C-alpha atoms as a PDB file:
ATOM      1  CA  MET A   1      10.018 -19.453  -1.784  1.00  0.00           C
ATOM      2  CA  SER A   2       6.446 -18.843  -2.926  1.00  0.00           C
ATOM      3  CA  ALA A   3       4.980 -15.343  -3.225  1.00  0.00           C
ATOM      4  CA  ALA A   4       2.392 -16.257  -0.582  1.00  0.00           C
ATOM      5  CA  HIS A   5       4.957 -17.473   1.988  1.00  0.00           C
ATOM      6  CA  LEU A   6       4.301 -15.745   5.313  1.00  0.00           C
ATOM      7  CA  THR A   7       6.190 -16.104   8.585  1.00  0.00           C
ATOM      8  CA  GLY A   8       3.822 -14.095  10.792  1.00  0.00           C
ATOM      9  CA  LYS A   9       6.861 -12.188  12.071  1.00  0.00           C
ATOM     10  CA  GLU A  10       6.579  -8.398  12.017  1.00  0.00           C
ATOM     11  CA  ILE A  11       9.514  -6.169  11.199  1.00  0.00           C
ATOM     12  CA  ILE A  12       9.259  -3.204  13.560  1.00  0.00           C
ATOM     13  CA  LEU A  13      10.503  -0.028  11.928  1.00  0.00           C
ATOM     14  CA  ASP A  14      12.403   2.649  13.831  1.00  0.00           C
ATOM     15  CA  ASP A  15      10.692   5.994  14.305  1.00  0.00           C
ATOM     16  CA  ASP A  16      13.120   7.669  11.903  1.00  0.00           C
ATOM     17  CA  THR A  17      12.905   5.022   9.151  1.00  0.00           C
ATOM     18  CA  LEU A  18      12.075   6.477   5.740  1.00  0.00           C
ATOM     19  CA  ILE A  19      11.375   4.040   2.907  1.00  0.00           C
ATOM     20  CA  VAL A  20      11.394   5.663  -0.537  1.00  0.00           C
ATOM     21  CA  SER A  21      10.510   4.363  -3.970  1.00  0.00           C
ATOM     22  CA  LYS A  22       9.623   5.745  -7.367  1.00  0.00           C
ATOM     23  CA  THR A  23       7.734   4.031 -10.163  1.00  0.00           C
ATOM     24  CA  ASP A  24       6.909   4.686 -13.773  1.00  0.00           C
ATOM     25  CA  PRO A  25       3.255   5.367 -14.686  1.00  0.00           C
ATOM     26  CA  HIS A  26       2.595   1.604 -14.828  1.00  0.00           C
ATOM     27  CA  GLY A  27       3.822   0.863 -11.302  1.00  0.00           C
ATOM     28  CA  ARG A  28       7.230  -0.537 -12.288  1.00  0.00           C
ATOM     29  CA  ILE A  29       9.919   0.411  -9.782  1.00  0.00           C
ATOM     30  CA  THR A  30      12.514   2.872 -11.088  1.00  0.00           C
ATOM     31  CA  TYR A  31      14.191   3.826  -7.787  1.00  0.00           C
ATOM     32  CA  VAL A  32      14.468   2.478  -4.253  1.00  0.00           C
ATOM     33  CA  ASN A  33      16.496   3.866  -1.379  1.00  0.00           C
ATOM     34  CA  ARG A  34      18.853   1.701   0.643  1.00  0.00           C
ATOM     35  CA  THR A  35      16.257   1.448   3.434  1.00  0.00           C
ATOM     36  CA  PHE A  36      13.690  -0.033   1.021  1.00  0.00           C
ATOM     37  CA  ILE A  37      16.223  -2.691   0.041  1.00  0.00           C
ATOM     38  CA  GLU A  38      17.103  -3.482   3.670  1.00  0.00           C
ATOM     39  CA  ILE A  39      13.494  -3.670   4.928  1.00  0.00           C
ATOM     40  CA  SER A  40      12.082  -5.554   1.913  1.00  0.00           C
ATOM     41  CA  ARG A  41      15.076  -7.899   1.886  1.00  0.00           C
ATOM     42  CA  TYR A  42      15.151  -7.901  -1.901  1.00  0.00           C
ATOM     43  CA  PRO A  43      18.316  -7.152  -3.844  1.00  0.00           C
ATOM     44  CA  GLU A  44      18.103  -3.892  -5.789  1.00  0.00           C
ATOM     45  CA  ILE A  45      18.470  -5.767  -9.089  1.00  0.00           C
ATOM     46  CA  ARG A  46      15.305  -7.742  -8.285  1.00  0.00           C
ATOM     47  CA  LEU A  47      13.363  -4.576  -7.419  1.00  0.00           C
ATOM     48  CA  LEU A  48      14.267  -2.267 -10.304  1.00  0.00           C
ATOM     49  CA  GLY A  49      11.848  -2.872 -13.164  1.00  0.00           C
ATOM     50  CA  ALA A  50       9.567  -5.056 -11.026  1.00  0.00           C
ATOM     51  CA  GLN A  51       5.965  -4.167 -10.319  1.00  0.00           C
ATOM     52  CA  HIS A  52       5.675  -2.404  -6.965  1.00  0.00           C
ATOM     53  CA  SER A  53       3.253  -5.171  -6.011  1.00  0.00           C
ATOM     54  CA  VAL A  54       6.308  -7.422  -5.523  1.00  0.00           C
ATOM     55  CA  ILE A  55       6.043  -6.434  -1.830  1.00  0.00           C
ATOM     56  CA  ARG A  56       2.266  -6.791  -1.634  1.00  0.00           C
ATOM     57  CA  HIS A  57       1.100  -8.686   1.433  1.00  0.00           C
ATOM     58  CA  PRO A  58      -1.803 -11.068   0.654  1.00  0.00           C
ATOM     59  CA  ASP A  59      -3.803  -9.717   3.625  1.00  0.00           C
ATOM     60  CA  MET A  60      -3.815  -6.225   2.128  1.00  0.00           C
ATOM     61  CA  PRO A  61      -7.278  -5.536   0.622  1.00  0.00           C
ATOM     62  CA  ARG A  62      -7.158  -4.789  -3.079  1.00  0.00           C
ATOM     63  CA  CYS A  63      -9.809  -2.074  -2.687  1.00  0.00           C
ATOM     64  CA  VAL A  64      -7.296   0.096  -0.806  1.00  0.00           C
ATOM     65  CA  PHE A  65      -4.917  -0.165  -3.758  1.00  0.00           C
ATOM     66  CA  LYS A  66      -7.797   0.717  -6.095  1.00  0.00           C
ATOM     67  CA  LEU A  67      -8.458   3.821  -4.014  1.00  0.00           C
ATOM     68  CA  LEU A  68      -4.751   4.635  -4.026  1.00  0.00           C
ATOM     69  CA  TRP A  69      -4.401   4.215  -7.795  1.00  0.00           C
ATOM     70  CA  ASP A  70      -7.637   6.120  -8.472  1.00  0.00           C
ATOM     71  CA  SER A  71      -6.219   9.028  -6.470  1.00  0.00           C
ATOM     72  CA  VAL A  72      -2.715   9.203  -7.889  1.00  0.00           C
ATOM     73  CA  THR A  73      -3.734   8.609 -11.512  1.00  0.00           C
ATOM     74  CA  ALA A  74      -6.143  11.543 -11.081  1.00  0.00           C
ATOM     75  CA  GLY A  75      -3.170  13.657  -9.997  1.00  0.00           C
ATOM     76  CA  ARG A  76      -3.861  13.661  -6.249  1.00  0.00           C
ATOM     77  CA  GLU A  77      -1.644  12.580  -3.385  1.00  0.00           C
ATOM     78  CA  ILE A  78      -2.841  10.026  -0.868  1.00  0.00           C
ATOM     79  CA  PHE A  79      -1.885   8.734   2.567  1.00  0.00           C
ATOM     80  CA  ALA A  80      -2.585   5.059   3.251  1.00  0.00           C
ATOM     81  CA  TYR A  81      -1.863   2.401   5.838  1.00  0.00           C
ATOM     82  CA  VAL A  82      -0.195  -0.530   4.094  1.00  0.00           C
ATOM     83  CA  VAL A  83       1.137  -3.872   5.245  1.00  0.00           C
ATOM     84  CA  ASN A  84       3.978  -5.103   3.029  1.00  0.00           C
ATOM     85  CA  ARG A  85       5.676  -8.474   2.778  1.00  0.00           C
ATOM     86  CA  ALA A  86       9.458  -8.832   2.766  1.00  0.00           C
ATOM     87  CA  SER A  87      11.061 -11.404   0.493  1.00  0.00           C
ATOM     88  CA  ASP A  88      11.488 -13.839   3.399  1.00  0.00           C
ATOM     89  CA  GLY A  89       7.793 -13.698   4.371  1.00  0.00           C
ATOM     90  CA  ASP A  90       8.121 -11.277   7.290  1.00  0.00           C
ATOM     91  CA  HIS A  91       5.836  -8.227   7.171  1.00  0.00           C
ATOM     92  CA  TYR A  92       5.948  -4.554   8.093  1.00  0.00           C
ATOM     93  CA  TRP A  93       3.318  -1.831   8.483  1.00  0.00           C
ATOM     94  CA  VAL A  94       3.790   1.655   7.075  1.00  0.00           C
ATOM     95  CA  VAL A  95       1.943   4.875   6.501  1.00  0.00           C
ATOM     96  CA  ALA A  96       2.540   5.569   2.823  1.00  0.00           C
ATOM     97  CA  HIS A  97       2.401   9.011   1.240  1.00  0.00           C
ATOM     98  CA  VAL A  98       2.100   8.524  -2.508  1.00  0.00           C
ATOM     99  CA  THR A  99       2.264  11.413  -4.959  1.00  0.00           C
ATOM    100  CA  PRO A 100       2.223  11.655  -8.738  1.00  0.00           C
ATOM    101  CA  SER A 101       5.297  13.091 -10.467  1.00  0.00           C
ATOM    102  CA  PHE A 102       4.588  15.492 -13.321  1.00  0.00           C
ATOM    103  CA  SER A 103       6.425  16.470 -16.505  1.00  0.00           C
ATOM    104  CA  GLU A 104       6.905  20.112 -17.491  1.00  0.00           C
ATOM    105  CA  ASP A 105       3.704  19.862 -19.573  1.00  0.00           C
ATOM    106  CA  ASN A 106       1.785  18.538 -16.533  1.00  0.00           C
ATOM    107  CA  ARG A 107       1.583  14.873 -17.599  1.00  0.00           C
ATOM    108  CA  ILE A 108       1.993  12.195 -14.952  1.00  0.00           C
ATOM    109  CA  ILE A 109       5.353  10.539 -15.558  1.00  0.00           C
ATOM    110  CA  GLY A 110       5.484   8.346 -12.466  1.00  0.00           C
ATOM    111  CA  TYR A 111       4.826   8.120  -8.763  1.00  0.00           C
ATOM    112  CA  HIS A 112       6.838   8.784  -5.629  1.00  0.00           C
ATOM    113  CA  SER A 113       6.191   7.076  -2.298  1.00  0.00           C
ATOM    114  CA  ASN A 114       7.569   7.853   1.147  1.00  0.00           C
ATOM    115  CA  ARG A 115       6.731   5.384   3.872  1.00  0.00           C
ATOM    116  CA  ARG A 116       7.176   5.741   7.606  1.00  0.00           C
ATOM    117  CA  LYS A 117       6.533   3.620  10.672  1.00  0.00           C
ATOM    118  CA  ALA A 118       2.844   3.136  11.406  1.00  0.00           C
ATOM    119  CA  ASP A 119       1.581   3.790  14.927  1.00  0.00           C
ATOM    120  CA  PRO A 120       0.867   0.433  16.682  1.00  0.00           C
ATOM    121  CA  PRO A 121      -2.579   1.446  18.093  1.00  0.00           C
ATOM    122  CA  SER A 122      -3.554   2.683  14.618  1.00  0.00           C
ATOM    123  CA  ILE A 123      -2.388  -0.606  13.099  1.00  0.00           C
ATOM    124  CA  ALA A 124      -4.724  -2.507  15.422  1.00  0.00           C
ATOM    125  CA  ARG A 125      -7.684  -0.377  14.272  1.00  0.00           C
ATOM    126  CA  ILE A 126      -6.865  -0.580  10.575  1.00  0.00           C
ATOM    127  CA  GLU A 127      -6.126  -4.335  10.732  1.00  0.00           C
ATOM    128  CA  ALA A 128      -9.712  -5.006  11.790  1.00  0.00           C
ATOM    129  CA  ILE A 129     -11.099  -2.880   8.950  1.00  0.00           C
ATOM    130  CA  TYR A 130      -8.711  -4.347   6.385  1.00  0.00           C
ATOM    131  CA  GLY A 131      -9.563  -7.846   7.610  1.00  0.00           C
ATOM    132  CA  ASP A 132     -13.263  -7.214   6.929  1.00  0.00           C
ATOM    133  CA  LEU A 133     -12.506  -5.796   3.474  1.00  0.00           C
ATOM    134  CA  ALA A 134     -10.218  -8.707   2.579  1.00  0.00           C
ATOM    135  CA  ARG A 135     -12.904 -11.195   3.693  1.00  0.00           C
ATOM    136  CA  ILE A 136     -15.422  -9.492   1.382  1.00  0.00           C
ATOM    137  CA  GLU A 137     -12.953  -9.861  -1.473  1.00  0.00           C
ATOM    138  CA  ARG A 138     -12.231 -13.543  -0.753  1.00  0.00           C
ATOM    139  CA  GLN A 139     -15.883 -14.534  -0.290  1.00  0.00           C
ATOM    140  CA  ALA A 140     -17.132 -13.082  -3.583  1.00  0.00           C
ATOM    141  CA  ALA A 141     -17.937 -15.343  -6.524  1.00  0.00           C
ATOM    142  CA  ASP A 142     -15.015 -13.841  -8.487  1.00  0.00           C
ATOM    143  CA  SER A 143     -12.199 -11.352  -7.928  1.00  0.00           C
ATOM    144  CA  LYS A 144     -13.809  -8.491  -9.875  1.00  0.00           C
ATOM    145  CA  LEU A 145     -17.012  -8.778  -7.872  1.00  0.00           C
ATOM    146  CA  GLY A 146     -14.997  -8.996  -4.654  1.00  0.00           C
ATOM    147  CA  LEU A 147     -13.126  -5.832  -5.534  1.00  0.00           C
ATOM    148  CA  ARG A 148     -16.366  -3.970  -6.330  1.00  0.00           C
ATOM    149  CA  GLN A 149     -18.013  -5.146  -3.118  1.00  0.00           C
ATOM    150  CA  SER A 150     -15.046  -4.330  -0.882  1.00  0.00           C
ATOM    151  CA  PHE A 151     -14.565  -0.936  -2.531  1.00  0.00           C
ATOM    152  CA  GLN A 152     -18.251  -0.205  -1.911  1.00  0.00           C
ATOM    153  CA  ALA A 153     -17.889  -1.291   1.727  1.00  0.00           C
ATOM    154  CA  LEU A 154     -14.865   1.011   2.097  1.00  0.00           C
ATOM    155  CA  THR A 155     -16.597   4.001   0.508  1.00  0.00           C
ATOM    156  CA  ASP A 156     -19.740   3.355   2.590  1.00  0.00           C
ATOM    157  CA  MET A 157     -17.653   3.268   5.788  1.00  0.00           C
ATOM    158  CA  LEU A 158     -15.970   6.546   4.864  1.00  0.00           C
ATOM    159  CA  ALA A 159     -19.319   8.147   3.965  1.00  0.00           C
ATOM    160  CA  ASN A 160     -20.748   7.065   7.334  1.00  0.00           C
ATOM    161  CA  LYS A 161     -17.782   8.717   9.049  1.00  0.00           C
ATOM    162  CA  GLY A 162     -18.123  11.813   6.845  1.00  0.00           C
ATOM    163  CA  MET A 163     -14.458  11.539   5.859  1.00  0.00           C
ATOM    164  CA  GLU A 164     -12.235  11.106   2.854  1.00  0.00           C
ATOM    165  CA  TYR A 165      -9.763   8.209   3.145  1.00  0.00           C
ATOM    166  CA  ASP A 166      -6.814  10.555   3.823  1.00  0.00           C
ATOM    167  CA  GLU A 167      -8.727  12.187   6.678  1.00  0.00           C
ATOM    168  CA  PHE A 168      -9.589   8.770   8.068  1.00  0.00           C
ATOM    169  CA  VAL A 169      -5.977   7.577   7.895  1.00  0.00           C
ATOM    170  CA  LEU A 170      -4.683  10.703   9.596  1.00  0.00           C
ATOM    171  CA  SER A 171      -7.356  10.419  12.297  1.00  0.00           C
ATOM    172  CA  LEU A 172      -6.259   6.942  13.424  1.00  0.00           C
END
């Protein structure tokens, strides 16, 4: 099955679903809870050591991941709406809370992510925004330019709203 295989079928999470993962500083998965395995439909052996992007949905704008990585590598937590792709091509929406993990001498030694069910009305709002950002990325002459342009569009939108991304996500 190709990495881009999509079924269009959404996995609806229960209200009490909690998906947990940990990565090393380079985004390689070091821990997943049983729920992560069940929802992603990957065997644990396939997940451990893999890049967290193994569950990346192709409709997810890269600029949101840039914002996420910029935040956590600077030592800040972030909340983000994310659509992920299960191994069989189904997808699921989550609100992710990603935090850096620190050593005793205050170095970042990895990242911890808790993900919960996203609110359906909020998904509809964020899907439209993410669709616009993904289109900017796809229409650019090259991927680096697309990322710069979509990131600028995202930061401009947030500036126009007078909000940080976390505020925006929590306001949906």
